[in-house]
Amino acid sequence: MESNYKSILVPVDGSAQSEDALAKGALIAHNNGAHLDVLHVLSTQQYGYNYGGMVDGDVINNLVEDTTDYLNKLVAKIKKEAELDDIDIHIRFGNPKTVIAFEFPKDHGSDLIVMGATGMSRLQRVLEGSVSSFVNRSARCDVMVIRTNKENKPYVEVPKD
């Protein structure tokens, strides 16, 4: 069943799950003739903890440059695989939960968010809570949580020794 989605948001965090969600989001965008926004949120909380609250301009510039390179590579691959050209990349600083669920969709008129089930380790989910769970509960637009990889096999979390 096709819906008339016009503006699709896919947040990516470098995980395999988020990249698979991007591939599926691009397919939905292609099938709907929709615009695709690829978003990476640089968590201000994370950098405050890791750098003792002191993040200088060089660190920020390097983070943005590295993230831009990563997003450009993803988009080039998606444009080729999904035959989709209407794609923009975005980088935002802030809390990933609120940026993805509220701020970005409001600013860009997103009517669908497609995201991976998790990109966090078990410990991160316990400490911070799952971003995908929060977005799924809180967003005002449709949310599709991707739980399978490119081969449509379920993700299996392998316990670490």
C-alpha atoms as a PDB file:
ATOM      1  CA  MET A   1       0.000   0.000   0.000  1.00  0.00           C
ATOM      2  CA  GLU A   2       1.446   3.348  -1.046  1.00  0.00           C
ATOM      3  CA  SER A   3       0.880   6.511   0.913  1.00  0.00           C
ATOM      4  CA  ASN A   4       1.346  10.000  -0.367  1.00  0.00           C
ATOM      5  CA  TYR A   5       4.437  10.900   1.587  1.00  0.00           C
ATOM      6  CA  LYS A   6       6.070  14.071   0.302  1.00  0.00           C
ATOM      7  CA  SER A   7       8.907  14.695   2.749  1.00  0.00           C
ATOM      8  CA  ILE A   8      10.730  11.780   4.349  1.00  0.00           C
ATOM      9  CA  LEU A   9      13.293  12.124   7.125  1.00  0.00           C
ATOM     10  CA  VAL A  10      15.932   9.457   7.711  1.00  0.00           C
ATOM     11  CA  PRO A  11      18.235  10.100  10.671  1.00  0.00           C
ATOM     12  CA  VAL A  12      21.571   8.289  10.439  1.00  0.00           C
ATOM     13  CA  ASP A  13      24.153   7.699  13.139  1.00  0.00           C
ATOM     14  CA  GLY A  14      26.815   5.591  11.429  1.00  0.00           C
ATOM     15  CA  SER A  15      25.264   2.269  12.424  1.00  0.00           C
ATOM     16  CA  ALA A  16      24.377  -0.496   9.973  1.00  0.00           C
ATOM     17  CA  GLN A  17      20.756  -0.225  11.110  1.00  0.00           C
ATOM     18  CA  SER A  18      20.546   3.457  10.215  1.00  0.00           C
ATOM     19  CA  GLU A  19      22.155   2.858   6.822  1.00  0.00           C
ATOM     20  CA  ASP A  20      19.662   0.090   6.072  1.00  0.00           C
ATOM     21  CA  ALA A  21      16.862   2.432   7.153  1.00  0.00           C
ATOM     22  CA  LEU A  22      18.242   4.981   4.685  1.00  0.00           C
ATOM     23  CA  ALA A  23      18.107   2.444   1.849  1.00  0.00           C
ATOM     24  CA  LYS A  24      14.495   1.605   2.704  1.00  0.00           C
ATOM     25  CA  GLY A  25      13.581   5.270   3.186  1.00  0.00           C
ATOM     26  CA  ALA A  26      15.065   6.071  -0.237  1.00  0.00           C
ATOM     27  CA  LEU A  27      12.948   3.334  -1.801  1.00  0.00           C
ATOM     28  CA  ILE A  28       9.823   4.782  -0.179  1.00  0.00           C
ATOM     29  CA  ALA A  29      10.795   8.263  -1.393  1.00  0.00           C
ATOM     30  CA  HIS A  30      11.373   6.933  -4.917  1.00  0.00           C
ATOM     31  CA  ASN A  31       8.014   5.130  -4.953  1.00  0.00           C
ATOM     32  CA  ASN A  32       6.176   8.219  -3.675  1.00  0.00           C
ATOM     33  CA  GLY A  33       8.054  10.854  -5.662  1.00  0.00           C
ATOM     34  CA  ALA A  34       9.001  12.347  -2.292  1.00  0.00           C
ATOM     35  CA  HIS A  35      11.854  14.496  -1.052  1.00  0.00           C
ATOM     36  CA  LEU A  36      14.382  12.730   1.217  1.00  0.00           C
ATOM     37  CA  ASP A  37      16.185  14.463   4.091  1.00  0.00           C
ATOM     38  CA  VAL A  38      19.183  12.656   5.586  1.00  0.00           C
ATOM     39  CA  LEU A  39      19.978  13.951   9.058  1.00  0.00           C
ATOM     40  CA  HIS A  40      22.844  13.384  11.451  1.00  0.00           C
ATOM     41  CA  VAL A  41      22.495  14.862  14.929  1.00  0.00           C
ATOM     42  CA  LEU A  42      25.696  15.629  16.782  1.00  0.00           C
ATOM     43  CA  SER A  43      24.710  15.153  20.417  1.00  0.00           C
ATOM     44  CA  THR A  44      25.742  18.123  22.521  1.00  0.00           C
ATOM     45  CA  GLN A  45      25.462  15.964  25.653  1.00  0.00           C
ATOM     46  CA  GLN A  46      27.971  13.429  24.297  1.00  0.00           C
ATOM     47  CA  TYR A  47      30.591  16.043  23.490  1.00  0.00           C
ATOM     48  CA  GLY A  48      30.142  17.738  26.838  1.00  0.00           C
ATOM     49  CA  TYR A  49      30.902  14.448  28.614  1.00  0.00           C
ATOM     50  CA  ASN A  50      33.803  13.457  26.377  1.00  0.00           C
ATOM     51  CA  TYR A  51      35.553  16.814  26.382  1.00  0.00           C
ATOM     52  CA  GLY A  52      34.732  17.978  29.910  1.00  0.00           C
ATOM     53  CA  GLY A  53      32.383  20.624  28.567  1.00  0.00           C
ATOM     54  CA  MET A  54      35.204  22.267  26.623  1.00  0.00           C
ATOM     55  CA  VAL A  55      34.716  21.894  22.875  1.00  0.00           C
ATOM     56  CA  ASP A  56      36.724  24.354  20.809  1.00  0.00           C
ATOM     57  CA  GLY A  57      36.111  25.522  17.254  1.00  0.00           C
ATOM     58  CA  ASP A  58      38.659  23.124  15.729  1.00  0.00           C
ATOM     59  CA  VAL A  59      36.921  20.107  17.270  1.00  0.00           C
ATOM     60  CA  ILE A  60      33.541  21.322  16.032  1.00  0.00           C
ATOM     61  CA  ASN A  61      34.888  21.995  12.522  1.00  0.00           C
ATOM     62  CA  ASN A  62      36.459  18.525  12.369  1.00  0.00           C
ATOM     63  CA  LEU A  63      33.220  16.905  13.552  1.00  0.00           C
ATOM     64  CA  VAL A  64      31.192  18.744  10.936  1.00  0.00           C
ATOM     65  CA  GLU A  65      33.703  17.996   8.142  1.00  0.00           C
ATOM     66  CA  ASP A  66      33.841  14.279   9.014  1.00  0.00           C
ATOM     67  CA  THR A  67      30.049  14.077   9.264  1.00  0.00           C
ATOM     68  CA  THR A  68      29.594  15.929   5.964  1.00  0.00           C
ATOM     69  CA  ASP A  69      31.990  13.514   4.212  1.00  0.00           C
ATOM     70  CA  TYR A  70      30.117  10.532   5.669  1.00  0.00           C
ATOM     71  CA  LEU A  71      26.712  11.897   4.612  1.00  0.00           C
ATOM     72  CA  ASN A  72      27.919  12.794   1.110  1.00  0.00           C
ATOM     73  CA  LYS A  73      29.195   9.228   0.603  1.00  0.00           C
ATOM     74  CA  LEU A  74      25.890   7.775   1.807  1.00  0.00           C
ATOM     75  CA  VAL A  75      23.870  10.047  -0.456  1.00  0.00           C
ATOM     76  CA  ALA A  76      26.021   9.309  -3.510  1.00  0.00           C
ATOM     77  CA  LYS A  77      25.428   5.594  -2.945  1.00  0.00           C
ATOM     78  CA  ILE A  78      21.675   6.077  -2.437  1.00  0.00           C
ATOM     79  CA  LYS A  79      21.319   8.289  -5.509  1.00  0.00           C
ATOM     80  CA  LYS A  80      22.885   5.541  -7.587  1.00  0.00           C
ATOM     81  CA  GLU A  81      21.055   2.570  -6.016  1.00  0.00           C
ATOM     82  CA  ALA A  82      17.594   4.106  -5.600  1.00  0.00           C
ATOM     83  CA  GLU A  83      17.686   6.381  -8.652  1.00  0.00           C
ATOM     84  CA  LEU A  84      16.677   9.265  -6.429  1.00  0.00           C
ATOM     85  CA  ASP A  85      17.975  12.814  -6.828  1.00  0.00           C
ATOM     86  CA  ASP A  86      15.733  14.811  -4.485  1.00  0.00           C
ATOM     87  CA  ILE A  87      17.936  14.377  -1.400  1.00  0.00           C
ATOM     88  CA  ASP A  88      19.374  16.892   1.058  1.00  0.00           C
ATOM     89  CA  ILE A  89      21.796  16.298   3.916  1.00  0.00           C
ATOM     90  CA  HIS A  90      21.562  18.050   7.254  1.00  0.00           C
ATOM     91  CA  ILE A  91      23.716  18.244  10.368  1.00  0.00           C
ATOM     92  CA  ARG A  92      22.291  19.540  13.620  1.00  0.00           C
ATOM     93  CA  PHE A  93      23.654  19.893  17.110  1.00  0.00           C
ATOM     94  CA  GLY A  94      21.379  19.005  19.996  1.00  0.00           C
ATOM     95  CA  ASN A  95      19.568  16.168  21.683  1.00  0.00           C
ATOM     96  CA  PRO A  96      18.915  13.526  18.989  1.00  0.00           C
ATOM     97  CA  LYS A  97      15.547  12.600  20.523  1.00  0.00           C
ATOM     98  CA  THR A  98      14.033  16.067  20.354  1.00  0.00           C
ATOM     99  CA  VAL A  99      15.700  17.100  17.095  1.00  0.00           C
ATOM    100  CA  ILE A 100      14.409  13.989  15.274  1.00  0.00           C
ATOM    101  CA  ALA A 101      10.956  13.809  16.883  1.00  0.00           C
ATOM    102  CA  PHE A 102      10.035  17.496  16.984  1.00  0.00           C
ATOM    103  CA  GLU A 103      12.411  20.158  15.691  1.00  0.00           C
ATOM    104  CA  PHE A 104      13.467  18.858  12.284  1.00  0.00           C
ATOM    105  CA  PRO A 105      10.018  17.595  11.184  1.00  0.00           C
ATOM    106  CA  LYS A 106       8.483  20.930  12.185  1.00  0.00           C
ATOM    107  CA  ASP A 107      11.133  22.954  10.303  1.00  0.00           C
ATOM    108  CA  HIS A 108      11.022  20.791   7.146  1.00  0.00           C
ATOM    109  CA  GLY A 109       7.446  19.494   7.039  1.00  0.00           C
ATOM    110  CA  SER A 110       8.453  15.837   7.335  1.00  0.00           C
ATOM    111  CA  ASP A 111       5.467  13.510   7.062  1.00  0.00           C
ATOM    112  CA  LEU A 112       7.395  10.255   7.599  1.00  0.00           C
ATOM    113  CA  ILE A 113      10.433   9.379   9.698  1.00  0.00           C
ATOM    114  CA  VAL A 114      12.240   6.157   8.751  1.00  0.00           C
ATOM    115  CA  MET A 115      14.844   5.026  11.251  1.00  0.00           C
ATOM    116  CA  GLY A 116      16.730   1.979  12.447  1.00  0.00           C
ATOM    117  CA  ALA A 117      15.542   0.179  15.557  1.00  0.00           C
ATOM    118  CA  THR A 118      18.768   0.975  17.374  1.00  0.00           C
ATOM    119  CA  GLY A 119      22.255   2.254  16.822  1.00  0.00           C
ATOM    120  CA  MET A 120      23.201   2.149  20.485  1.00  0.00           C
ATOM    121  CA  SER A 121      24.832  -0.454  22.653  1.00  0.00           C
ATOM    122  CA  ARG A 122      22.854  -1.961  25.528  1.00  0.00           C
ATOM    123  CA  LEU A 123      24.629   0.275  28.027  1.00  0.00           C
ATOM    124  CA  GLN A 124      23.871   3.436  26.019  1.00  0.00           C
ATOM    125  CA  ARG A 125      20.194   2.479  25.814  1.00  0.00           C
ATOM    126  CA  VAL A 126      20.073   1.972  29.599  1.00  0.00           C
ATOM    127  CA  LEU A 127      21.813   5.283  30.303  1.00  0.00           C
ATOM    128  CA  GLU A 128      20.221   7.464  27.623  1.00  0.00           C
ATOM    129  CA  GLY A 129      17.122   5.575  26.523  1.00  0.00           C
ATOM    130  CA  SER A 130      16.464   4.533  22.969  1.00  0.00           C
ATOM    131  CA  VAL A 131      16.155   7.368  20.463  1.00  0.00           C
ATOM    132  CA  SER A 132      13.969   5.259  18.158  1.00  0.00           C
ATOM    133  CA  SER A 133      11.602   4.384  21.024  1.00  0.00           C
ATOM    134  CA  PHE A 134      11.264   8.038  21.980  1.00  0.00           C
ATOM    135  CA  VAL A 135      10.681   9.160  18.383  1.00  0.00           C
ATOM    136  CA  ASN A 136       8.170   6.358  17.800  1.00  0.00           C
ATOM    137  CA  ARG A 137       6.180   7.428  20.875  1.00  0.00           C
ATOM    138  CA  SER A 138       6.492  11.183  20.473  1.00  0.00           C
ATOM    139  CA  ALA A 139       6.663  12.291  16.829  1.00  0.00           C
ATOM    140  CA  ARG A 140       3.579  13.895  15.340  1.00  0.00           C
ATOM    141  CA  CYS A 141       4.113  12.316  11.921  1.00  0.00           C
ATOM    142  CA  ASP A 142       4.287   8.672  10.862  1.00  0.00           C
ATOM    143  CA  VAL A 143       7.326   6.750  12.058  1.00  0.00           C
ATOM    144  CA  MET A 144       8.644   3.566  10.467  1.00  0.00           C
ATOM    145  CA  VAL A 145      11.170   1.653  12.566  1.00  0.00           C
ATOM    146  CA  ILE A 146      13.346  -0.651  10.473  1.00  0.00           C
ATOM    147  CA  ARG A 147      14.141  -3.920  12.230  1.00  0.00           C
ATOM    148  CA  THR A 148      15.647  -5.846   9.320  1.00  0.00           C
ATOM    149  CA  ASN A 149      18.792  -5.514   7.266  1.00  0.00           C
ATOM    150  CA  LYS A 150      19.108  -5.201   3.486  1.00  0.00           C
ATOM    151  CA  GLU A 151      18.359  -8.907   3.073  1.00  0.00           C
ATOM    152  CA  ASN A 152      15.222  -8.481   5.233  1.00  0.00           C
ATOM    153  CA  LYS A 153      16.735 -10.616   7.970  1.00  0.00           C
ATOM    154  CA  PRO A 154      15.982  -9.492  11.538  1.00  0.00           C
ATOM    155  CA  TYR A 155      18.797  -7.810  13.412  1.00  0.00           C
ATOM    156  CA  VAL A 156      20.086 -10.053  16.135  1.00  0.00           C
ATOM    157  CA  GLU A 157      21.950  -8.453  18.986  1.00  0.00           C
ATOM    158  CA  VAL A 158      24.935 -10.632  19.757  1.00  0.00           C
ATOM    159  CA  PRO A 159      25.863 -10.675  23.458  1.00  0.00           C
ATOM    160  CA  LYS A 160      29.375  -9.405  24.141  1.00  0.00           C
ATOM    161  CA  ASP A 161      31.629 -11.426  26.422  1.00  0.00           C
END
